[in-house]
Every structure is written in structure tokens, then in C-alpha cells.
């Protein structure tokens, strides 16, 4: 008897029409997404070509930038800087809220708090922008003055404090409020998927609830939390209206948090300059959009690499 005949026959589930329709729809959906992504990339590349050789007067009316790269680098810096600052504020709050609603709060309180946090994701960007201008910026300005008086020797907090409070730090905190619902909701669902036996085993060994979270919940959910953080980062990188409303446009590179002169972002700059742009100037804005596309794509690729390296996607 040969090895092929000795091996048991592979069992196959019967093929039903519903299975065929679902698999076909899933395949078509995946292909449509890839085609749309490719179409966007081709459009951005084709429209961006004239910008790479544009003259200074074609980039901006003042002609202050020698070439396209001198114009886009400060914008890319402002985009990444604002998004990273937003993560610094959002991630600790998001993980704390997710752990509280999943392992500490009573069920009724957890359900209500979770719903309230989720509703924040439905608030339009223009509302966040108006709130940041008229409520939050005046509220935090006295704190900025305190930071400047107490920590002015640190370059981040040095210089003259903005009279309006509309600084890159204000934008970062508004962005943090905007991405907290995303990171919180995903982290909460990941923490709730922790195997019950792992939690009970840790508690049976005499661990406190916090020690149980450290030993069972966080290791299980770390890959999913990284994915949630990267999704929040992607939202912060692409936010347009709130940033454009709060900040005055300045194409500069600077790490100062409290001054009037602040770096702006690619998305906000496009929103502000697009209505008055034409010809090569329009191609320049599209080229900056291409740079933002590349940055966002790189962030997503990095997140998948990190998740794959930290447990092969377990907990996602």
C-alpha cells in the first residue's frame, strides 16, 4: 500500500450557494479596495510631477522657497509633530479608560461610560475646531503662562506665550480628544477578549486585580493596543478642519509649544490654500497630499510589522 493511498482522504464541507456568494463578494470587495488605492496613488503621482520642478514663484506667491522640498518638509514636520503630541496625551487616557470599563467599573457604569466615549467619535471636526477656539484655548492659556514662568528654561516652553492660546499644544490636545474614542474602543474590546481562565488563574495564585492585568490582560492585548494606537495616529495625521481652524498658517519648523508661530500640517495647509490655487500651484498642493499619503501608508505598514512581530497578531 502506497503512502498516498494510506493517507486519509481530506474532508471537505459541502459547497452551498451562500458560501459561493459570500466568498465572491469578499473577493470583489478586496479587489475594489486595492483598485481604489491604486487609482488614488496613480492620480497623486501623475498630478505631482510638475511640482517637483516648480519655480519658487510657482510654489508660493512670495517665492520664499527655493524648491518644492523646502516647502513640504516643514509641512511634513508639523503633521508628524502634532500627531505625536496628540498620542502622548491620548494613549494613557485611552488605555486607562479601556481598563476601567473592562475590568474595574460596574457593568452599568461601564456601559454608560463606554457609550459616552464612543459618541465622541461621532462629533464633527468643525465642532471640535470651534470648541478649541472659543472654549479650550482661552481655558488653557493661564496654564501656558504658568508653564512659561516655571519651565521657561526648557526650549519647548520658552518664548512669548500666545495671547490667544491657539498653539500647536492646543491643537495636539484637541486631536487627542478626537482620537481617544478610537483607541479606547479598540483597546476595550481587546481587553475583554482576554481568556477568562488566564485571569482566574492569576487571581487564584494570589495576584491583585492590577497584578492580574499586568500578567494576563496586557500581554494578551499588546498587539491589539499597538494597532489601536496606530489607527489613532492615522486619524491625527489626516485631520484637517480642526487644525486649520485653530492654528494660523505658518510653514516653519519649530519645537516650541506655546508661541504664536506654529508649524502647520499638510492637510490643514491644503484646506486653506486650495480655494485660491491654480496651475502649478495646485499641483504643488497635490504633491504635498502625495507626501501625506506616503506618510500614512508608512505608518500603517509599520503598525502591521510591529503587530506581526509582537505575537503574530494575537489579540487583534
C-alpha atoms as a PDB file:
ATOM      1  CA  UNK A   1       0.000   0.000   0.000  1.00  0.00           C
ATOM      2  CA  UNK A   2       1.446   3.367  -1.015  1.00  0.00           C
ATOM      3  CA  UNK A   3       1.699   6.395   1.213  1.00  0.00           C
ATOM      4  CA  UNK A   4      -0.801   8.251  -0.905  1.00  0.00           C
ATOM      5  CA  UNK A   5      -3.445   5.563  -0.518  1.00  0.00           C
ATOM      6  CA  UNK A   6      -2.714   5.126   3.195  1.00  0.00           C
ATOM      7  CA  UNK A   7      -3.339   8.788   3.968  1.00  0.00           C
ATOM      8  CA  UNK A   8      -6.930   9.539   4.959  1.00  0.00           C
ATOM      9  CA  UNK A   9      -8.984  11.442   2.445  1.00  0.00           C
ATOM     10  CA  UNK A  10      -9.413  15.152   3.219  1.00  0.00           C
ATOM     11  CA  UNK A  11     -12.895  16.004   4.319  1.00  0.00           C
ATOM     12  CA  UNK A  12     -14.483  18.959   2.572  1.00  0.00           C
ATOM     13  CA  UNK A  13     -17.551  20.842   3.644  1.00  0.00           C
ATOM     14  CA  UNK A  14     -20.364  20.827   1.107  1.00  0.00           C
ATOM     15  CA  UNK A  15     -20.321  23.864  -1.152  1.00  0.00           C
ATOM     16  CA  UNK A  16     -23.516  25.847  -0.805  1.00  0.00           C
ATOM     17  CA  UNK A  17     -24.700  28.815  -2.927  1.00  0.00           C
ATOM     18  CA  UNK A  18     -24.415  31.143   0.097  1.00  0.00           C
ATOM     19  CA  UNK A  19     -20.744  30.231   0.555  1.00  0.00           C
ATOM     20  CA  UNK A  20     -20.022  30.944  -3.100  1.00  0.00           C
ATOM     21  CA  UNK A  21     -21.816  34.298  -2.975  1.00  0.00           C
ATOM     22  CA  UNK A  22     -20.061  35.358   0.231  1.00  0.00           C
ATOM     23  CA  UNK A  23     -16.574  34.371  -0.944  1.00  0.00           C
ATOM     24  CA  UNK A  24     -17.157  36.100  -4.271  1.00  0.00           C
ATOM     25  CA  UNK A  25     -18.413  39.274  -2.575  1.00  0.00           C
ATOM     26  CA  UNK A  26     -15.410  39.275  -0.218  1.00  0.00           C
ATOM     27  CA  UNK A  27     -13.033  38.864  -3.160  1.00  0.00           C
ATOM     28  CA  UNK A  28     -14.715  41.657  -5.123  1.00  0.00           C
ATOM     29  CA  UNK A  29     -14.636  43.938  -2.063  1.00  0.00           C
ATOM     30  CA  UNK A  30     -10.923  43.345  -1.561  1.00  0.00           C
ATOM     31  CA  UNK A  31     -10.184  43.970  -5.238  1.00  0.00           C
ATOM     32  CA  UNK A  32     -12.251  47.180  -5.213  1.00  0.00           C
ATOM     33  CA  UNK A  33     -10.274  48.479  -2.227  1.00  0.00           C
ATOM     34  CA  UNK A  34      -6.969  47.682  -3.913  1.00  0.00           C
ATOM     35  CA  UNK A  35      -8.129  49.267  -7.168  1.00  0.00           C
ATOM     36  CA  UNK A  36      -9.265  52.430  -5.382  1.00  0.00           C
ATOM     37  CA  UNK A  37      -5.965  52.678  -3.524  1.00  0.00           C
ATOM     38  CA  UNK A  38      -4.024  52.205  -6.752  1.00  0.00           C
ATOM     39  CA  UNK A  39      -6.157  54.815  -8.525  1.00  0.00           C
ATOM     40  CA  UNK A  40      -5.538  57.358  -5.775  1.00  0.00           C
ATOM     41  CA  UNK A  41      -1.792  56.669  -5.879  1.00  0.00           C
ATOM     42  CA  UNK A  42      -1.642  56.995  -9.685  1.00  0.00           C
ATOM     43  CA  UNK A  43      -3.620  60.254  -9.601  1.00  0.00           C
ATOM     44  CA  UNK A  44      -1.406  61.781  -6.914  1.00  0.00           C
ATOM     45  CA  UNK A  45       1.805  60.779  -8.664  1.00  0.00           C
ATOM     46  CA  UNK A  46       0.654  61.998 -12.088  1.00  0.00           C
ATOM     47  CA  UNK A  47      -0.556  65.351 -10.761  1.00  0.00           C
ATOM     48  CA  UNK A  48       2.520  65.844  -8.566  1.00  0.00           C
ATOM     49  CA  UNK A  49       5.164  65.588 -11.292  1.00  0.00           C
ATOM     50  CA  UNK A  50       5.068  69.304 -12.281  1.00  0.00           C
ATOM     51  CA  UNK A  51       5.532  70.324  -8.633  1.00  0.00           C
ATOM     52  CA  UNK A  52       8.947  68.708  -8.281  1.00  0.00           C
ATOM     53  CA  UNK A  53      10.455  71.093 -10.829  1.00  0.00           C
ATOM     54  CA  UNK A  54       8.357  74.159  -9.983  1.00  0.00           C
ATOM     55  CA  UNK A  55       9.917  77.608  -9.752  1.00  0.00           C
ATOM     56  CA  UNK A  56       9.839  79.480  -6.415  1.00  0.00           C
ATOM     57  CA  UNK A  57       7.087  81.835  -7.674  1.00  0.00           C
ATOM     58  CA  UNK A  58       5.014  78.836  -8.727  1.00  0.00           C
ATOM     59  CA  UNK A  59       5.204  77.266  -5.282  1.00  0.00           C
ATOM     60  CA  UNK A  60       4.024  80.349  -3.398  1.00  0.00           C
ATOM     61  CA  UNK A  61       3.267  83.893  -4.493  1.00  0.00           C
ATOM     62  CA  UNK A  62       6.132  85.245  -2.360  1.00  0.00           C
ATOM     63  CA  UNK A  63       8.713  82.896  -3.845  1.00  0.00           C
ATOM     64  CA  UNK A  64      10.341  82.325  -0.460  1.00  0.00           C
ATOM     65  CA  UNK A  65      11.009  78.631  -1.027  1.00  0.00           C
ATOM     66  CA  UNK A  66      13.826  77.590  -3.325  1.00  0.00           C
ATOM     67  CA  UNK A  67      12.140  74.346  -4.373  1.00  0.00           C
ATOM     68  CA  UNK A  68       9.265  72.018  -3.560  1.00  0.00           C
ATOM     69  CA  UNK A  69      11.151  70.110  -0.866  1.00  0.00           C
ATOM     70  CA  UNK A  70      11.948  73.270   1.070  1.00  0.00           C
ATOM     71  CA  UNK A  71       8.197  73.908   1.111  1.00  0.00           C
ATOM     72  CA  UNK A  72       6.944  70.433   2.011  1.00  0.00           C
ATOM     73  CA  UNK A  73       9.455  69.468   4.713  1.00  0.00           C
ATOM     74  CA  UNK A  74       8.089  71.965   7.293  1.00  0.00           C
ATOM     75  CA  UNK A  75       4.555  70.782   6.496  1.00  0.00           C
ATOM     76  CA  UNK A  76       5.503  67.146   6.957  1.00  0.00           C
ATOM     77  CA  UNK A  77       7.265  68.050  10.192  1.00  0.00           C
ATOM     78  CA  UNK A  78       4.201  69.855  11.524  1.00  0.00           C
ATOM     79  CA  UNK A  79       1.966  66.922  10.604  1.00  0.00           C
ATOM     80  CA  UNK A  80       4.116  64.365  12.412  1.00  0.00           C
ATOM     81  CA  UNK A  81       4.853  66.674  15.361  1.00  0.00           C
ATOM     82  CA  UNK A  82       1.191  67.440  16.050  1.00  0.00           C
ATOM     83  CA  UNK A  83       0.184  63.780  15.700  1.00  0.00           C
ATOM     84  CA  UNK A  84       2.914  62.552  18.057  1.00  0.00           C
ATOM     85  CA  UNK A  85       1.994  65.171  20.652  1.00  0.00           C
ATOM     86  CA  UNK A  86      -1.630  64.056  20.380  1.00  0.00           C
ATOM     87  CA  UNK A  87      -0.597  60.450  21.031  1.00  0.00           C
ATOM     88  CA  UNK A  88       1.320  61.497  24.138  1.00  0.00           C
ATOM     89  CA  UNK A  89      -1.915  62.835  25.626  1.00  0.00           C
ATOM     90  CA  UNK A  90      -4.374  60.318  24.168  1.00  0.00           C
ATOM     91  CA  UNK A  91      -2.732  56.935  24.738  1.00  0.00           C
ATOM     92  CA  UNK A  92      -2.512  56.968  28.582  1.00  0.00           C
ATOM     93  CA  UNK A  93      -6.102  58.201  28.910  1.00  0.00           C
ATOM     94  CA  UNK A  94      -7.375  55.724  26.325  1.00  0.00           C
ATOM     95  CA  UNK A  95      -5.746  52.684  27.923  1.00  0.00           C
ATOM     96  CA  UNK A  96      -6.833  53.797  31.403  1.00  0.00           C
ATOM     97  CA  UNK A  97     -10.446  54.268  30.287  1.00  0.00           C
ATOM     98  CA  UNK A  98     -10.401  50.943  28.443  1.00  0.00           C
ATOM     99  CA  UNK A  99      -9.097  49.082  31.508  1.00  0.00           C
ATOM    100  CA  UNK A 100     -11.574  50.843  33.800  1.00  0.00           C
ATOM    101  CA  UNK A 101     -14.580  49.973  31.659  1.00  0.00           C
ATOM    102  CA  UNK A 102     -13.437  46.387  31.032  1.00  0.00           C
ATOM    103  CA  UNK A 103     -12.124  45.301  34.463  1.00  0.00           C
ATOM    104  CA  UNK A 104     -12.953  47.810  37.193  1.00  0.00           C
ATOM    105  CA  UNK A 105     -16.248  49.618  36.680  1.00  0.00           C
ATOM    106  CA  UNK A 106     -19.621  48.025  37.481  1.00  0.00           C
ATOM    107  CA  UNK A 107     -21.492  46.882  34.401  1.00  0.00           C
ATOM    108  CA  UNK A 108     -23.962  49.777  34.304  1.00  0.00           C
ATOM    109  CA  UNK A 109     -21.266  52.405  34.732  1.00  0.00           C
ATOM    110  CA  UNK A 110     -19.011  50.687  32.213  1.00  0.00           C
ATOM    111  CA  UNK A 111     -21.809  50.544  29.646  1.00  0.00           C
ATOM    112  CA  UNK A 112     -22.690  54.213  30.096  1.00  0.00           C
ATOM    113  CA  UNK A 113     -19.090  55.401  30.069  1.00  0.00           C
ATOM    114  CA  UNK A 114     -18.292  53.291  27.027  1.00  0.00           C
ATOM    115  CA  UNK A 115     -21.261  54.712  25.140  1.00  0.00           C
ATOM    116  CA  UNK A 116     -20.273  58.270  26.070  1.00  0.00           C
ATOM    117  CA  UNK A 117     -16.719  57.743  24.848  1.00  0.00           C
ATOM    118  CA  UNK A 118     -17.956  56.137  21.632  1.00  0.00           C
ATOM    119  CA  UNK A 119     -20.230  59.113  20.974  1.00  0.00           C
ATOM    120  CA  UNK A 120     -17.198  61.404  20.911  1.00  0.00           C
ATOM    121  CA  UNK A 121     -16.191  59.760  17.629  1.00  0.00           C
ATOM    122  CA  UNK A 122     -19.433  60.998  16.033  1.00  0.00           C
ATOM    123  CA  UNK A 123     -18.767  64.676  16.790  1.00  0.00           C
ATOM    124  CA  UNK A 124     -17.857  66.539  13.546  1.00  0.00           C
ATOM    125  CA  UNK A 125     -14.388  68.038  13.204  1.00  0.00           C
ATOM    126  CA  UNK A 126     -15.808  71.553  12.824  1.00  0.00           C
ATOM    127  CA  UNK A 127     -17.366  71.252  16.284  1.00  0.00           C
ATOM    128  CA  UNK A 128     -14.018  70.268  17.766  1.00  0.00           C
ATOM    129  CA  UNK A 129     -12.403  73.184  15.958  1.00  0.00           C
ATOM    130  CA  UNK A 130     -14.931  75.702  17.259  1.00  0.00           C
ATOM    131  CA  UNK A 131     -14.649  74.245  20.762  1.00  0.00           C
ATOM    132  CA  UNK A 132     -10.875  74.503  20.572  1.00  0.00           C
ATOM    133  CA  UNK A 133     -11.008  78.174  19.521  1.00  0.00           C
ATOM    134  CA  UNK A 134     -13.700  79.582  21.786  1.00  0.00           C
ATOM    135  CA  UNK A 135     -13.580  77.332  24.854  1.00  0.00           C
ATOM    136  CA  UNK A 136     -10.430  75.281  25.191  1.00  0.00           C
ATOM    137  CA  UNK A 137      -7.772  77.767  24.040  1.00  0.00           C
ATOM    138  CA  UNK A 138      -8.837  80.552  26.482  1.00  0.00           C
ATOM    139  CA  UNK A 139      -9.187  77.948  29.228  1.00  0.00           C
ATOM    140  CA  UNK A 140      -5.636  76.573  28.915  1.00  0.00           C
ATOM    141  CA  UNK A 141      -3.829  79.887  28.313  1.00  0.00           C
ATOM    142  CA  UNK A 142      -3.311  80.607  32.075  1.00  0.00           C
ATOM    143  CA  UNK A 143      -1.742  77.166  32.341  1.00  0.00           C
ATOM    144  CA  UNK A 144       0.542  78.027  29.425  1.00  0.00           C
ATOM    145  CA  UNK A 145       1.621  81.180  31.252  1.00  0.00           C
ATOM    146  CA  UNK A 146       2.404  79.076  34.318  1.00  0.00           C
ATOM    147  CA  UNK A 147       4.433  76.631  32.230  1.00  0.00           C
ATOM    148  CA  UNK A 148       6.341  79.508  30.685  1.00  0.00           C
ATOM    149  CA  UNK A 149       7.120  81.045  34.090  1.00  0.00           C
ATOM    150  CA  UNK A 150       8.069  77.763  35.765  1.00  0.00           C
ATOM    151  CA  UNK A 151       9.704  75.880  32.883  1.00  0.00           C
ATOM    152  CA  UNK A 152      10.728  78.671  30.521  1.00  0.00           C
ATOM    153  CA  UNK A 153      14.321  77.482  30.723  1.00  0.00           C
ATOM    154  CA  UNK A 154      13.246  74.431  28.705  1.00  0.00           C
ATOM    155  CA  UNK A 155      13.192  75.316  24.979  1.00  0.00           C
ATOM    156  CA  UNK A 156       9.789  73.677  24.488  1.00  0.00           C
ATOM    157  CA  UNK A 157       8.147  76.203  26.834  1.00  0.00           C
ATOM    158  CA  UNK A 158      10.311  79.251  26.126  1.00  0.00           C
ATOM    159  CA  UNK A 159       9.403  82.459  24.319  1.00  0.00           C
ATOM    160  CA  UNK A 160       6.372  84.716  24.448  1.00  0.00           C
ATOM    161  CA  UNK A 161       3.147  82.869  25.180  1.00  0.00           C
ATOM    162  CA  UNK A 162       0.434  83.222  22.551  1.00  0.00           C
ATOM    163  CA  UNK A 163      -2.167  85.770  23.610  1.00  0.00           C
ATOM    164  CA  UNK A 164      -4.996  83.637  22.185  1.00  0.00           C
ATOM    165  CA  UNK A 165      -3.799  80.254  23.432  1.00  0.00           C
ATOM    166  CA  UNK A 166      -4.111  78.852  19.901  1.00  0.00           C
ATOM    167  CA  UNK A 167      -0.820  76.980  19.722  1.00  0.00           C
ATOM    168  CA  UNK A 168       0.418  73.629  18.484  1.00  0.00           C
ATOM    169  CA  UNK A 169      -0.025  72.298  22.023  1.00  0.00           C
ATOM    170  CA  UNK A 170      -3.706  73.264  21.943  1.00  0.00           C
ATOM    171  CA  UNK A 171      -4.089  71.533  18.584  1.00  0.00           C
ATOM    172  CA  UNK A 172      -2.403  68.417  19.970  1.00  0.00           C
ATOM    173  CA  UNK A 173      -4.792  68.234  22.923  1.00  0.00           C
ATOM    174  CA  UNK A 174      -7.825  68.757  20.676  1.00  0.00           C
ATOM    175  CA  UNK A 175      -6.541  65.990  18.399  1.00  0.00           C
ATOM    176  CA  UNK A 176      -6.061  63.818  21.474  1.00  0.00           C
ATOM    177  CA  UNK A 177      -9.729  64.254  22.371  1.00  0.00           C
ATOM    178  CA  UNK A 178     -10.632  63.298  18.806  1.00  0.00           C
ATOM    179  CA  UNK A 179      -8.607  60.059  18.744  1.00  0.00           C
ATOM    180  CA  UNK A 180      -9.354  58.910  22.305  1.00  0.00           C
ATOM    181  CA  UNK A 181     -12.647  57.232  21.225  1.00  0.00           C
ATOM    182  CA  UNK A 182     -10.853  55.194  18.542  1.00  0.00           C
ATOM    183  CA  UNK A 183      -8.025  53.950  20.748  1.00  0.00           C
ATOM    184  CA  UNK A 184     -10.329  53.406  23.740  1.00  0.00           C
ATOM    185  CA  UNK A 185     -12.982  51.424  21.883  1.00  0.00           C
ATOM    186  CA  UNK A 186     -10.500  49.090  20.195  1.00  0.00           C
ATOM    187  CA  UNK A 187      -8.421  48.605  23.346  1.00  0.00           C
ATOM    188  CA  UNK A 188     -11.535  47.866  25.410  1.00  0.00           C
ATOM    189  CA  UNK A 189     -12.677  45.159  23.014  1.00  0.00           C
ATOM    190  CA  UNK A 190      -9.207  43.610  23.019  1.00  0.00           C
ATOM    191  CA  UNK A 191      -9.042  43.569  26.820  1.00  0.00           C
ATOM    192  CA  UNK A 192     -12.483  41.939  27.005  1.00  0.00           C
ATOM    193  CA  UNK A 193     -11.229  39.097  24.798  1.00  0.00           C
ATOM    194  CA  UNK A 194      -8.614  38.032  27.343  1.00  0.00           C
ATOM    195  CA  UNK A 195      -9.223  34.334  28.157  1.00  0.00           C
ATOM    196  CA  UNK A 196     -11.184  34.065  31.376  1.00  0.00           C
ATOM    197  CA  UNK A 197      -9.082  31.123  32.545  1.00  0.00           C
ATOM    198  CA  UNK A 198      -5.914  33.231  32.400  1.00  0.00           C
ATOM    199  CA  UNK A 199      -7.466  35.916  34.588  1.00  0.00           C
ATOM    200  CA  UNK A 200      -8.852  33.383  37.088  1.00  0.00           C
ATOM    201  CA  UNK A 201      -5.516  31.562  37.252  1.00  0.00           C
ATOM    202  CA  UNK A 202      -3.694  34.789  38.119  1.00  0.00           C
ATOM    203  CA  UNK A 203      -6.252  35.646  40.804  1.00  0.00           C
ATOM    204  CA  UNK A 204      -6.078  32.105  42.205  1.00  0.00           C
ATOM    205  CA  UNK A 205      -2.335  32.492  42.659  1.00  0.00           C
ATOM    206  CA  UNK A 206      -2.961  35.457  44.948  1.00  0.00           C
ATOM    207  CA  UNK A 207      -2.490  38.301  42.463  1.00  0.00           C
ATOM    208  CA  UNK A 208      -4.350  41.545  42.980  1.00  0.00           C
ATOM    209  CA  UNK A 209      -6.566  42.821  40.183  1.00  0.00           C
ATOM    210  CA  UNK A 210      -3.846  45.150  38.917  1.00  0.00           C
ATOM    211  CA  UNK A 211      -1.254  42.346  39.049  1.00  0.00           C
ATOM    212  CA  UNK A 212      -3.686  40.121  37.145  1.00  0.00           C
ATOM    213  CA  UNK A 213      -3.990  42.840  34.485  1.00  0.00           C
ATOM    214  CA  UNK A 214      -0.216  43.084  34.247  1.00  0.00           C
ATOM    215  CA  UNK A 215       0.229  39.306  33.964  1.00  0.00           C
ATOM    216  CA  UNK A 216      -2.763  38.306  31.834  1.00  0.00           C
ATOM    217  CA  UNK A 217      -4.589  41.210  30.187  1.00  0.00           C
ATOM    218  CA  UNK A 218      -1.809  43.494  28.956  1.00  0.00           C
ATOM    219  CA  UNK A 219       0.406  40.740  27.482  1.00  0.00           C
ATOM    220  CA  UNK A 220      -2.576  39.271  25.649  1.00  0.00           C
ATOM    221  CA  UNK A 221      -3.744  42.603  24.257  1.00  0.00           C
ATOM    222  CA  UNK A 222      -0.470  44.379  23.497  1.00  0.00           C
ATOM    223  CA  UNK A 223      -0.604  43.663  19.752  1.00  0.00           C
ATOM    224  CA  UNK A 224      -4.176  44.915  19.542  1.00  0.00           C
ATOM    225  CA  UNK A 225      -3.351  48.035  21.549  1.00  0.00           C
ATOM    226  CA  UNK A 226      -0.488  48.815  19.174  1.00  0.00           C
ATOM    227  CA  UNK A 227      -2.912  48.507  16.258  1.00  0.00           C
ATOM    228  CA  UNK A 228      -5.385  50.825  18.019  1.00  0.00           C
ATOM    229  CA  UNK A 229      -2.656  53.394  18.650  1.00  0.00           C
ATOM    230  CA  UNK A 230      -1.582  53.293  15.019  1.00  0.00           C
ATOM    231  CA  UNK A 231      -5.164  53.801  13.864  1.00  0.00           C
ATOM    232  CA  UNK A 232      -5.411  56.795  16.168  1.00  0.00           C
ATOM    233  CA  UNK A 233      -2.140  58.105  14.777  1.00  0.00           C
ATOM    234  CA  UNK A 234      -3.516  57.786  11.260  1.00  0.00           C
ATOM    235  CA  UNK A 235      -6.575  59.837  12.255  1.00  0.00           C
ATOM    236  CA  UNK A 236      -4.368  62.521  13.801  1.00  0.00           C
ATOM    237  CA  UNK A 237      -2.123  62.679  10.729  1.00  0.00           C
ATOM    238  CA  UNK A 238      -5.032  63.268   8.388  1.00  0.00           C
ATOM    239  CA  UNK A 239      -7.130  65.666  10.476  1.00  0.00           C
ATOM    240  CA  UNK A 240      -7.835  68.847   8.547  1.00  0.00           C
ATOM    241  CA  UNK A 241     -10.586  71.160   9.688  1.00  0.00           C
ATOM    242  CA  UNK A 242      -9.872  71.351  13.417  1.00  0.00           C
ATOM    243  CA  UNK A 243      -6.191  72.122  12.807  1.00  0.00           C
ATOM    244  CA  UNK A 244      -6.968  74.688  10.104  1.00  0.00           C
ATOM    245  CA  UNK A 245      -9.455  76.480  12.373  1.00  0.00           C
ATOM    246  CA  UNK A 246      -7.255  76.639  15.473  1.00  0.00           C
ATOM    247  CA  UNK A 247      -3.814  77.408  14.035  1.00  0.00           C
ATOM    248  CA  UNK A 248      -2.715  80.359  11.966  1.00  0.00           C
ATOM    249  CA  UNK A 249      -0.894  79.070   8.873  1.00  0.00           C
ATOM    250  CA  UNK A 250       2.885  79.071   9.301  1.00  0.00           C
ATOM    251  CA  UNK A 251       5.188  76.897   7.212  1.00  0.00           C
ATOM    252  CA  UNK A 252       8.029  76.628   9.710  1.00  0.00           C
ATOM    253  CA  UNK A 253       9.975  74.000  11.632  1.00  0.00           C
ATOM    254  CA  UNK A 254       9.927  74.570  15.359  1.00  0.00           C
ATOM    255  CA  UNK A 255       9.530  72.590  18.557  1.00  0.00           C
ATOM    256  CA  UNK A 256       8.141  75.484  20.602  1.00  0.00           C
ATOM    257  CA  UNK A 257       4.760  74.660  22.131  1.00  0.00           C
ATOM    258  CA  UNK A 258       3.491  77.985  23.478  1.00  0.00           C
ATOM    259  CA  UNK A 259       4.383  80.591  20.872  1.00  0.00           C
ATOM    260  CA  UNK A 260       2.220  82.276  18.265  1.00  0.00           C
ATOM    261  CA  UNK A 261       4.348  80.919  15.396  1.00  0.00           C
ATOM    262  CA  UNK A 262       3.481  77.256  14.990  1.00  0.00           C
ATOM    263  CA  UNK A 263       4.129  74.667  12.288  1.00  0.00           C
ATOM    264  CA  UNK A 264       1.010  73.721  10.357  1.00  0.00           C
ATOM    265  CA  UNK A 265       0.092  70.362   8.850  1.00  0.00           C
ATOM    266  CA  UNK A 266      -0.147  69.135   5.285  1.00  0.00           C
ATOM    267  CA  UNK A 267      -3.905  68.580   5.434  1.00  0.00           C
ATOM    268  CA  UNK A 268      -4.642  71.958   7.009  1.00  0.00           C
ATOM    269  CA  UNK A 269      -2.412  73.754   4.512  1.00  0.00           C
ATOM    270  CA  UNK A 270      -4.198  72.094   1.585  1.00  0.00           C
ATOM    271  CA  UNK A 271      -7.600  73.064   3.001  1.00  0.00           C
ATOM    272  CA  UNK A 272      -6.560  76.698   3.434  1.00  0.00           C
ATOM    273  CA  UNK A 273      -4.685  77.166   0.150  1.00  0.00           C
ATOM    274  CA  UNK A 274      -6.767  75.049  -2.232  1.00  0.00           C
ATOM    275  CA  UNK A 275      -9.581  77.569  -2.993  1.00  0.00           C
ATOM    276  CA  UNK A 276      -7.106  80.151  -4.361  1.00  0.00           C
ATOM    277  CA  UNK A 277      -4.741  77.749  -6.139  1.00  0.00           C
ATOM    278  CA  UNK A 278      -4.490  77.140  -9.876  1.00  0.00           C
ATOM    279  CA  UNK A 279      -1.981  75.837 -12.385  1.00  0.00           C
ATOM    280  CA  UNK A 280       1.302  74.593 -10.964  1.00  0.00           C
ATOM    281  CA  UNK A 281       0.361  75.902  -7.515  1.00  0.00           C
ATOM    282  CA  UNK A 282      -2.461  73.362  -7.490  1.00  0.00           C
ATOM    283  CA  UNK A 283      -0.002  70.633  -8.486  1.00  0.00           C
ATOM    284  CA  UNK A 284       2.183  71.667  -5.557  1.00  0.00           C
ATOM    285  CA  UNK A 285      -0.700  71.154  -3.131  1.00  0.00           C
ATOM    286  CA  UNK A 286      -1.489  67.774  -4.668  1.00  0.00           C
ATOM    287  CA  UNK A 287       2.177  66.857  -4.290  1.00  0.00           C
ATOM    288  CA  UNK A 288       2.020  67.687  -0.595  1.00  0.00           C
ATOM    289  CA  UNK A 289      -1.003  65.387  -0.453  1.00  0.00           C
ATOM    290  CA  UNK A 290       1.169  62.687  -2.002  1.00  0.00           C
ATOM    291  CA  UNK A 291       3.694  63.172   0.793  1.00  0.00           C
ATOM    292  CA  UNK A 292       0.891  62.804   3.360  1.00  0.00           C
ATOM    293  CA  UNK A 293      -0.278  59.667   1.537  1.00  0.00           C
ATOM    294  CA  UNK A 294       3.223  58.194   1.791  1.00  0.00           C
ATOM    295  CA  UNK A 295       3.495  59.087   5.493  1.00  0.00           C
ATOM    296  CA  UNK A 296       0.137  57.495   6.294  1.00  0.00           C
ATOM    297  CA  UNK A 297       0.986  54.399   4.260  1.00  0.00           C
ATOM    298  CA  UNK A 298       4.312  54.089   6.081  1.00  0.00           C
ATOM    299  CA  UNK A 299       2.566  54.389   9.467  1.00  0.00           C
ATOM    300  CA  UNK A 300       0.118  51.630   8.574  1.00  0.00           C
ATOM    301  CA  UNK A 301       2.885  49.399   7.247  1.00  0.00           C
ATOM    302  CA  UNK A 302       4.924  49.971  10.405  1.00  0.00           C
ATOM    303  CA  UNK A 303       1.933  49.113  12.585  1.00  0.00           C
ATOM    304  CA  UNK A 304       1.387  45.823  10.752  1.00  0.00           C
ATOM    305  CA  UNK A 305       5.078  44.993  11.110  1.00  0.00           C
ATOM    306  CA  UNK A 306       5.006  45.756  14.842  1.00  0.00           C
ATOM    307  CA  UNK A 307       1.856  43.710  15.385  1.00  0.00           C
ATOM    308  CA  UNK A 308       3.253  40.802  13.402  1.00  0.00           C
ATOM    309  CA  UNK A 309       6.483  40.825  15.375  1.00  0.00           C
ATOM    310  CA  UNK A 310       4.729  41.063  18.758  1.00  0.00           C
ATOM    311  CA  UNK A 311       2.773  37.871  18.734  1.00  0.00           C
ATOM    312  CA  UNK A 312       1.694  37.371  15.159  1.00  0.00           C
ATOM    313  CA  UNK A 313      -1.473  39.393  15.569  1.00  0.00           C
ATOM    314  CA  UNK A 314      -2.687  37.596  18.702  1.00  0.00           C
ATOM    315  CA  UNK A 315      -5.377  39.589  20.364  1.00  0.00           C
ATOM    316  CA  UNK A 316      -6.239  41.553  17.214  1.00  0.00           C
END
